[in-house]
């Protein structure tokens, strides 16, 4: 990576890397872009504020990944009583 990138170019590259790899750590990005971890944290925060990624402990993941995980968690909570009833009815048929 060029060492004299603008902040916006670096952030675009960080976003691309997180999308491609599914995650990125502050330490890894700091080495790749040859800037301080403080600079990377600022970049990740700026990208998170734009909704382009989600900050995690020590790094970031794509915003779309969190959306999928959250969607699954919400679906698991829907219709809990009906799912329980169906499960019990099915179990009764097996016994």
Protein backbone atom coordinates (compact mmCIF):
# COMPACT_ATOMS: atom_id res chain seq x y z
CA UNK A 1 0.00 0.00 0.00
CA UNK A 2 1.23 3.51 -0.71
CA UNK A 3 2.44 5.20 2.44
CA UNK A 4 1.29 8.65 1.33
CA UNK A 5 -2.40 7.95 0.81
CA UNK A 6 -5.02 10.48 1.75
CA UNK A 7 -7.27 9.55 4.66
CA UNK A 8 -10.17 9.00 2.25
CA UNK A 9 -8.14 6.68 0.01
CA UNK A 10 -7.00 4.70 3.06
CA UNK A 11 -10.57 4.45 4.33
CA UNK A 12 -11.76 3.22 0.95
CA UNK A 13 -9.04 0.56 0.99
CA UNK A 14 -9.92 -0.40 4.57
CA UNK A 15 -13.58 -0.76 3.63
CA UNK A 16 -12.68 -2.93 0.62
CA UNK A 17 -10.44 -5.13 2.77
CA UNK A 18 -13.10 -5.62 5.46
CA UNK A 19 -15.70 -6.48 2.82
CA UNK A 20 -13.34 -8.93 1.12
CA UNK A 21 -11.96 -10.64 4.23
CA UNK A 22 -15.05 -10.44 6.44
CA UNK A 23 -13.11 -8.74 9.23
CA UNK A 24 -9.95 -6.79 9.96
CA UNK A 25 -8.01 -6.00 13.11
CA UNK A 26 -6.62 -2.63 14.11
CA UNK A 27 -3.12 -4.11 14.47
CA UNK A 28 -3.23 -5.71 11.01
CA UNK A 29 -4.51 -2.55 9.33
CA UNK A 30 -1.90 -0.45 11.11
CA UNK A 31 0.86 -2.62 9.64
CA UNK A 32 -0.65 -2.81 6.16
CA UNK A 33 -1.11 0.95 5.84
CA UNK A 34 1.97 1.89 7.87
CA UNK A 35 0.07 4.24 10.17
CA UNK A 36 -0.55 4.25 13.91
CA UNK A 37 -3.27 2.20 15.55
CA UNK A 38 -4.81 5.49 16.71
CA UNK A 39 -5.14 6.55 13.07
CA UNK A 40 -6.76 3.23 12.15
CA UNK A 41 -9.19 3.49 15.05
CA UNK A 42 -10.22 6.92 13.76
CA UNK A 43 -10.66 5.53 10.26
CA UNK A 44 -12.78 2.64 11.54
CA UNK A 45 -14.89 5.01 13.61
CA UNK A 46 -15.49 7.26 10.60
CA UNK A 47 -16.48 4.26 8.46
CA UNK A 48 -18.76 2.97 11.22
CA UNK A 49 -20.47 6.38 11.49
CA UNK A 50 -21.17 6.16 7.75
CA UNK A 51 -22.74 2.72 8.28
CA UNK A 52 -20.11 1.02 6.11
CA UNK A 53 -18.79 -1.31 8.80
CA UNK A 54 -19.30 -2.24 12.43
CA UNK A 55 -16.63 -1.74 15.06
CA UNK A 56 -15.72 -4.78 17.10
CA UNK A 57 -13.25 -5.22 19.94
CA UNK A 58 -9.91 -4.66 18.21
CA UNK A 59 -11.21 -4.30 14.68
CA UNK A 60 -14.24 -4.25 12.41
CA UNK A 61 -16.63 -6.44 10.41
CA UNK A 62 -18.81 -5.60 7.40
CA UNK A 63 -22.11 -3.91 8.27
CA UNK A 64 -23.92 -6.49 6.12
CA UNK A 65 -22.59 -9.34 8.29
CA UNK A 66 -24.02 -7.81 11.46
CA UNK A 67 -27.33 -7.29 9.67
CA UNK A 68 -27.50 -11.01 8.74
CA UNK A 69 -26.59 -12.09 12.28
CA UNK A 70 -29.15 -9.73 13.80
CA UNK A 71 -31.81 -10.87 11.35
CA UNK A 72 -31.29 -14.50 12.38
CA UNK A 73 -31.44 -13.59 16.07
CA UNK A 74 -34.72 -11.73 15.54
CA UNK A 75 -36.24 -14.60 13.53
CA UNK A 76 -35.37 -17.01 16.33
CA UNK A 77 -37.40 -14.88 18.72
CA UNK A 78 -40.49 -14.78 16.50
CA UNK A 79 -43.39 -17.15 17.04
CA UNK A 80 -41.67 -18.84 19.99
CA UNK A 81 -44.92 -20.28 21.42
CA UNK A 82 -46.02 -21.66 18.05
CA UNK A 83 -42.61 -23.24 17.47
CA UNK A 84 -42.69 -24.76 20.95
CA UNK A 85 -46.18 -26.20 20.30
CA UNK A 86 -45.08 -27.68 16.96
CA UNK A 87 -42.00 -29.20 18.58
CA UNK A 88 -44.04 -30.81 21.37
CA UNK A 89 -46.59 -32.17 18.90
CA UNK A 90 -43.82 -33.67 16.78
CA UNK A 91 -42.12 -35.19 19.83
CA UNK A 92 -45.42 -36.75 20.93
CA UNK A 93 -45.71 -38.47 17.54
CA UNK A 94 -42.27 -40.02 17.95
CA UNK A 95 -42.90 -41.43 21.42
